[in-house]
Amino acid sequence: MILPENVFFLDEPADYPTEDQADEYGTVLYFSPLHGWMTESYLAASDMQFDFRCTHWTFTPTKPS
């Protein structure tokens, strides 16, 4: 599967988002095949992967002005 350049796998800790990749609130978007897209803290990557079966993450969109 070819992913868009701004969607990343959530396979192992090296793939987890960092604080620099989170928005001003510390959140990113996680994708779960069961639940769809969800926002959560970048610190919750492990929980999102194992508890919600998330497989990918991406940046949150910018706020509209």
PDB file of N, CA and C in Angstrom:
ATOM      1  N   MET A   1       0.839  -1.171   0.000  1.00  0.00           N
ATOM      2  CA  MET A   1       0.000   0.000   0.000  1.00  0.00           C
ATOM      3  C   MET A   1       0.884   1.233   0.000  1.00  0.00           C
ATOM      4  N   ILE A   2       0.598   2.174  -0.866  1.00  0.00           N
ATOM      5  CA  ILE A   2       1.321   3.435  -0.913  1.00  0.00           C
ATOM      6  C   ILE A   2       0.536   4.451  -0.090  1.00  0.00           C
ATOM      7  N   LEU A   3       1.194   5.010   0.916  1.00  0.00           N
ATOM      8  CA  LEU A   3       0.553   5.985   1.794  1.00  0.00           C
ATOM      9  C   LEU A   3       0.842   7.399   1.328  1.00  0.00           C
ATOM     10  N   PRO A   4      -0.067   8.341   1.623  1.00  0.00           N
ATOM     11  CA  PRO A   4       0.267   9.743   1.385  1.00  0.00           C
ATOM     12  C   PRO A   4       1.518  10.098   2.196  1.00  0.00           C
ATOM     13  N   GLU A   5       2.235  11.110   1.761  1.00  0.00           N
ATOM     14  CA  GLU A   5       3.498  11.448   2.411  1.00  0.00           C
ATOM     15  C   GLU A   5       3.345  11.917   3.856  1.00  0.00           C
ATOM     16  N   ASN A   6       2.131  12.260   4.274  1.00  0.00           N
ATOM     17  CA  ASN A   6       1.941  12.742   5.643  1.00  0.00           C
ATOM     18  C   ASN A   6       1.222  11.732   6.544  1.00  0.00           C
ATOM     19  N   VAL A   7       1.143  10.471   6.142  1.00  0.00           N
ATOM     20  CA  VAL A   7       0.560   9.401   6.963  1.00  0.00           C
ATOM     21  C   VAL A   7       1.658   8.391   7.251  1.00  0.00           C
ATOM     22  N   PHE A   8       1.798   8.028   8.531  1.00  0.00           N
ATOM     23  CA  PHE A   8       2.912   7.197   8.964  1.00  0.00           C
ATOM     24  C   PHE A   8       2.410   5.939   9.654  1.00  0.00           C
ATOM     25  N   PHE A   9       3.134   4.842   9.484  1.00  0.00           N
ATOM     26  CA  PHE A   9       2.798   3.595  10.161  1.00  0.00           C
ATOM     27  C   PHE A   9       3.038   3.743  11.661  1.00  0.00           C
ATOM     28  N   LEU A  10       2.309   2.973  12.424  1.00  0.00           N
ATOM     29  CA  LEU A  10       2.447   2.960  13.876  1.00  0.00           C
ATOM     30  C   LEU A  10       2.805   1.529  14.283  1.00  0.00           C
ATOM     31  N   ASP A  11       3.958   1.065  13.820  1.00  0.00           N
ATOM     32  CA  ASP A  11       4.350  -0.326  14.023  1.00  0.00           C
ATOM     33  C   ASP A  11       5.173  -0.566  15.279  1.00  0.00           C
ATOM     34  N   GLU A  12       6.110   0.309  15.570  1.00  0.00           N
ATOM     35  CA  GLU A  12       7.013   0.114  16.698  1.00  0.00           C
ATOM     36  C   GLU A  12       7.359   1.473  17.295  1.00  0.00           C
ATOM     37  N   PRO A  13       7.930   1.508  18.480  1.00  0.00           N
ATOM     38  CA  PRO A  13       8.209   2.793  19.138  1.00  0.00           C
ATOM     39  C   PRO A  13       9.001   3.787  18.292  1.00  0.00           C
ATOM     40  N   ALA A  14       9.869   3.323  17.425  1.00  0.00           N
ATOM     41  CA  ALA A  14      10.619   4.244  16.556  1.00  0.00           C
ATOM     42  C   ALA A  14       9.694   4.994  15.606  1.00  0.00           C
ATOM     43  N   ASP A  15       8.494   4.451  15.358  1.00  0.00           N
ATOM     44  CA  ASP A  15       7.529   5.079  14.451  1.00  0.00           C
ATOM     45  C   ASP A  15       6.602   6.060  15.165  1.00  0.00           C
ATOM     46  N   TYR A  16       6.627   6.097  16.485  1.00  0.00           N
ATOM     47  CA  TYR A  16       5.688   6.930  17.241  1.00  0.00           C
ATOM     48  C   TYR A  16       5.950   8.412  16.986  1.00  0.00           C
ATOM     49  N   PRO A  17       4.886   9.222  17.012  1.00  0.00           N
ATOM     50  CA  PRO A  17       5.076  10.663  16.833  1.00  0.00           C
ATOM     51  C   PRO A  17       5.826  11.272  18.020  1.00  0.00           C
ATOM     52  N   THR A  18       6.450  12.398  17.778  1.00  0.00           N
ATOM     53  CA  THR A  18       7.198  13.099  18.814  1.00  0.00           C
ATOM     54  C   THR A  18       6.507  14.423  19.144  1.00  0.00           C
ATOM     55  N   GLU A  19       6.988  15.066  20.175  1.00  0.00           N
ATOM     56  CA  GLU A  19       6.415  16.356  20.580  1.00  0.00           C
ATOM     57  C   GLU A  19       6.500  17.376  19.451  1.00  0.00           C
ATOM     58  N   ASP A  20       7.577  17.352  18.678  1.00  0.00           N
ATOM     59  CA  ASP A  20       7.752  18.287  17.564  1.00  0.00           C
ATOM     60  C   ASP A  20       6.719  18.074  16.463  1.00  0.00           C
ATOM     61  N   GLN A  21       6.162  16.881  16.380  1.00  0.00           N
ATOM     62  CA  GLN A  21       5.191  16.571  15.329  1.00  0.00           C
ATOM     63  C   GLN A  21       3.751  16.804  15.778  1.00  0.00           C
ATOM     64  N   ALA A  22       3.557  17.046  17.061  1.00  0.00           N
ATOM     65  CA  ALA A  22       2.215  17.291  17.589  1.00  0.00           C
ATOM     66  C   ALA A  22       1.824  18.754  17.368  1.00  0.00           C
ATOM     67  N   ASP A  23       0.527  19.016  17.476  1.00  0.00           N
ATOM     68  CA  ASP A  23       0.054  20.392  17.340  1.00  0.00           C
ATOM     69  C   ASP A  23       0.298  21.151  18.646  1.00  0.00           C
ATOM     70  N   GLU A  24      -0.207  22.377  18.736  1.00  0.00           N
ATOM     71  CA  GLU A  24       0.030  23.214  19.921  1.00  0.00           C
ATOM     72  C   GLU A  24      -0.592  22.633  21.193  1.00  0.00           C
ATOM     73  N   TYR A  25      -1.515  21.694  21.042  1.00  0.00           N
ATOM     74  CA  TYR A  25      -2.142  21.050  22.200  1.00  0.00           C
ATOM     75  C   TYR A  25      -1.502  19.696  22.520  1.00  0.00           C
ATOM     76  N   GLY A  26      -0.493  19.313  21.745  1.00  0.00           N
ATOM     77  CA  GLY A  26       0.195  18.045  21.962  1.00  0.00           C
ATOM     78  C   GLY A  26      -0.507  16.850  21.359  1.00  0.00           C
ATOM     79  N   THR A  27      -1.410  17.074  20.391  1.00  0.00           N
ATOM     80  CA  THR A  27      -2.158  15.963  19.816  1.00  0.00           C
ATOM     81  C   THR A  27      -1.775  15.684  18.359  1.00  0.00           C
ATOM     82  N   VAL A  28      -2.049  14.460  17.961  1.00  0.00           N
ATOM     83  CA  VAL A  28      -1.927  14.021  16.572  1.00  0.00           C
ATOM     84  C   VAL A  28      -3.177  13.197  16.263  1.00  0.00           C
ATOM     85  N   LEU A  29      -3.349  12.822  15.011  1.00  0.00           N
ATOM     86  CA  LEU A  29      -4.461  11.959  14.611  1.00  0.00           C
ATOM     87  C   LEU A  29      -3.969  10.527  14.486  1.00  0.00           C
ATOM     88  N   TYR A  30      -4.702   9.610  15.087  1.00  0.00           N
ATOM     89  CA  TYR A  30      -4.414   8.184  14.981  1.00  0.00           C
ATOM     90  C   TYR A  30      -5.537   7.516  14.204  1.00  0.00           C
ATOM     91  N   PHE A  31      -5.191   6.506  13.379  1.00  0.00           N
ATOM     92  CA  PHE A  31      -6.202   5.791  12.615  1.00  0.00           C
ATOM     93  C   PHE A  31      -6.340   4.366  13.117  1.00  0.00           C
ATOM     94  N   SER A  32      -7.581   3.977  13.394  1.00  0.00           N
ATOM     95  CA  SER A  32      -7.922   2.609  13.764  1.00  0.00           C
ATOM     96  C   SER A  32      -8.920   2.069  12.747  1.00  0.00           C
ATOM     97  N   PRO A  33      -8.701   0.883  12.194  1.00  0.00           N
ATOM     98  CA  PRO A  33      -9.681   0.306  11.273  1.00  0.00           C
ATOM     99  C   PRO A  33     -11.043   0.098  11.931  1.00  0.00           C
ATOM    100  N   LEU A  34     -11.072  -0.032  13.252  1.00  0.00           N
ATOM    101  CA  LEU A  34     -12.332  -0.231  13.970  1.00  0.00           C
ATOM    102  C   LEU A  34     -13.056   1.067  14.295  1.00  0.00           C
ATOM    103  N   HIS A  35     -12.281   2.142  14.553  1.00  0.00           N
ATOM    104  CA  HIS A  35     -12.873   3.383  15.051  1.00  0.00           C
ATOM    105  C   HIS A  35     -12.676   4.592  14.144  1.00  0.00           C
ATOM    106  N   GLY A  36     -11.875   4.484  13.111  1.00  0.00           N
ATOM    107  CA  GLY A  36     -11.600   5.620  12.240  1.00  0.00           C
ATOM    108  C   GLY A  36     -10.527   6.520  12.827  1.00  0.00           C
ATOM    109  N   TRP A  37     -10.547   7.796  12.439  1.00  0.00           N
ATOM    110  CA  TRP A  37      -9.546   8.754  12.899  1.00  0.00           C
ATOM    111  C   TRP A  37      -9.921   9.295  14.266  1.00  0.00           C
ATOM    112  N   MET A  38      -8.919   9.397  15.157  1.00  0.00           N
ATOM    113  CA  MET A  38      -9.128   9.899  16.516  1.00  0.00           C
ATOM    114  C   MET A  38      -7.964  10.815  16.878  1.00  0.00           C
ATOM    115  N   THR A  39      -8.244  11.891  17.611  1.00  0.00           N
ATOM    116  CA  THR A  39      -7.164  12.738  18.108  1.00  0.00           C
ATOM    117  C   THR A  39      -6.814  12.321  19.526  1.00  0.00           C
ATOM    118  N   GLU A  40      -5.527  12.334  19.795  1.00  0.00           N
ATOM    119  CA  GLU A  40      -5.043  11.982  21.131  1.00  0.00           C
ATOM    120  C   GLU A  40      -3.615  12.499  21.251  1.00  0.00           C
ATOM    121  N   SER A  41      -3.123  12.577  22.448  1.00  0.00           N
ATOM    122  CA  SER A  41      -1.769  13.044  22.711  1.00  0.00           C
ATOM    123  C   SER A  41      -0.734  12.170  22.014  1.00  0.00           C
ATOM    124  N   TYR A  42       0.338  12.808  21.601  1.00  0.00           N
ATOM    125  CA  TYR A  42       1.440  12.038  21.006  1.00  0.00           C
ATOM    126  C   TYR A  42       2.025  11.070  22.033  1.00  0.00           C
ATOM    127  N   LEU A  43       1.863  11.365  23.320  1.00  0.00           N
ATOM    128  CA  LEU A  43       2.372  10.500  24.391  1.00  0.00           C
ATOM    129  C   LEU A  43       1.585   9.198  24.514  1.00  0.00           C
ATOM    130  N   ALA A  44       0.391   9.154  23.937  1.00  0.00           N
ATOM    131  CA  ALA A  44      -0.480   7.984  24.050  1.00  0.00           C
ATOM    132  C   ALA A  44      -0.308   7.005  22.893  1.00  0.00           C
ATOM    133  N   ALA A  45       0.745   7.139  22.116  1.00  0.00           N
ATOM    134  CA  ALA A  45       0.915   6.309  20.918  1.00  0.00           C
ATOM    135  C   ALA A  45       0.860   4.814  21.225  1.00  0.00           C
ATOM    136  N   SER A  46       1.538   4.389  22.263  1.00  0.00           N
ATOM    137  CA  SER A  46       1.536   2.971  22.610  1.00  0.00           C
ATOM    138  C   SER A  46       0.137   2.496  22.988  1.00  0.00           C
ATOM    139  N   ASP A  47      -0.564   3.276  23.797  1.00  0.00           N
ATOM    140  CA  ASP A  47      -1.938   2.929  24.171  1.00  0.00           C
ATOM    141  C   ASP A  47      -2.856   2.886  22.954  1.00  0.00           C
ATOM    142  N   MET A  48      -2.697   3.845  22.068  1.00  0.00           N
ATOM    143  CA  MET A  48      -3.538   3.880  20.873  1.00  0.00           C
ATOM    144  C   MET A  48      -3.253   2.658  19.994  1.00  0.00           C
ATOM    145  N   GLN A  49      -2.003   2.263  19.899  1.00  0.00           N
ATOM    146  CA  GLN A  49      -1.646   1.104  19.079  1.00  0.00           C
ATOM    147  C   GLN A  49      -2.224  -0.179  19.664  1.00  0.00           C
ATOM    148  N   PHE A  50      -2.088  -0.375  20.949  1.00  0.00           N
ATOM    149  CA  PHE A  50      -2.482  -1.655  21.537  1.00  0.00           C
ATOM    150  C   PHE A  50      -3.934  -1.687  22.025  1.00  0.00           C
ATOM    151  N   ASP A  51      -4.438  -0.598  22.580  1.00  0.00           N
ATOM    152  CA  ASP A  51      -5.809  -0.597  23.098  1.00  0.00           C
ATOM    153  C   ASP A  51      -6.854  -0.378  22.004  1.00  0.00           C
ATOM    154  N   PHE A  52      -6.552   0.510  21.068  1.00  0.00           N
ATOM    155  CA  PHE A  52      -7.518   0.845  20.016  1.00  0.00           C
ATOM    156  C   PHE A  52      -7.145   0.254  18.657  1.00  0.00           C
ATOM    157  N   ARG A  53      -6.039  -0.497  18.617  1.00  0.00           N
ATOM    158  CA  ARG A  53      -5.571  -1.154  17.398  1.00  0.00           C
ATOM    159  C   ARG A  53      -5.269  -0.170  16.270  1.00  0.00           C
ATOM    160  N   CYS A  54      -4.753   1.006  16.633  1.00  0.00           N
ATOM    161  CA  CYS A  54      -4.398   2.000  15.619  1.00  0.00           C
ATOM    162  C   CYS A  54      -3.202   1.509  14.817  1.00  0.00           C
ATOM    163  N   THR A  55      -3.230   1.793  13.534  1.00  0.00           N
ATOM    164  CA  THR A  55      -2.189   1.318  12.627  1.00  0.00           C
ATOM    165  C   THR A  55      -1.377   2.445  12.002  1.00  0.00           C
ATOM    166  N   HIS A  56      -1.910   3.683  12.034  1.00  0.00           N
ATOM    167  CA  HIS A  56      -1.264   4.818  11.387  1.00  0.00           C
ATOM    168  C   HIS A  56      -1.472   6.079  12.231  1.00  0.00           C
ATOM    169  N   TRP A  57      -0.659   7.078  11.954  1.00  0.00           N
ATOM    170  CA  TRP A  57      -0.865   8.389  12.562  1.00  0.00           C
ATOM    171  C   TRP A  57      -0.520   9.460  11.538  1.00  0.00           C
ATOM    172  N   THR A  58      -1.031  10.680  11.769  1.00  0.00           N
ATOM    173  CA  THR A  58      -0.716  11.823  10.924  1.00  0.00           C
ATOM    174  C   THR A  58      -0.836  13.095  11.753  1.00  0.00           C
ATOM    175  N   PHE A  59      -0.457  14.197  11.171  1.00  0.00           N
ATOM    176  CA  PHE A  59      -0.526  15.488  11.832  1.00  0.00           C
ATOM    177  C   PHE A  59      -1.978  15.962  11.911  1.00  0.00           C
ATOM    178  N   THR A  60      -2.296  16.736  12.921  1.00  0.00           N
ATOM    179  CA  THR A  60      -3.640  17.332  12.966  1.00  0.00           C
ATOM    180  C   THR A  60      -3.676  18.491  11.963  1.00  0.00           C
ATOM    181  N   PRO A  61      -4.830  18.755  11.381  1.00  0.00           N
ATOM    182  CA  PRO A  61      -4.902  19.864  10.425  1.00  0.00           C
ATOM    183  C   PRO A  61      -4.747  21.197  11.145  1.00  0.00           C
ATOM    184  N   THR A  62      -4.323  22.202  10.405  1.00  0.00           N
ATOM    185  CA  THR A  62      -4.194  23.530  10.995  1.00  0.00           C
ATOM    186  C   THR A  62      -5.572  24.113  11.266  1.00  0.00           C
ATOM    187  N   LYS A  63      -5.620  24.984  12.258  1.00  0.00           N
ATOM    188  CA  LYS A  63      -6.895  25.631  12.601  1.00  0.00           C
ATOM    189  C   LYS A  63      -7.285  26.598  11.488  1.00  0.00           C
ATOM    190  N   PRO A  64      -8.588  26.673  11.167  1.00  0.00           N
ATOM    191  CA  PRO A  64      -9.010  27.662  10.184  1.00  0.00           C
ATOM    192  C   PRO A  64      -8.850  29.072  10.768  1.00  0.00           C
ATOM    193  N   SER A  65      -8.550  30.018   9.914  1.00  0.00           N
ATOM    194  CA  SER A  65      -8.407  31.382  10.430  1.00  0.00           C
ATOM    195  C   SER A  65      -9.641  32.209  10.218  1.00  0.00           C
TER     196      SER A  65
END
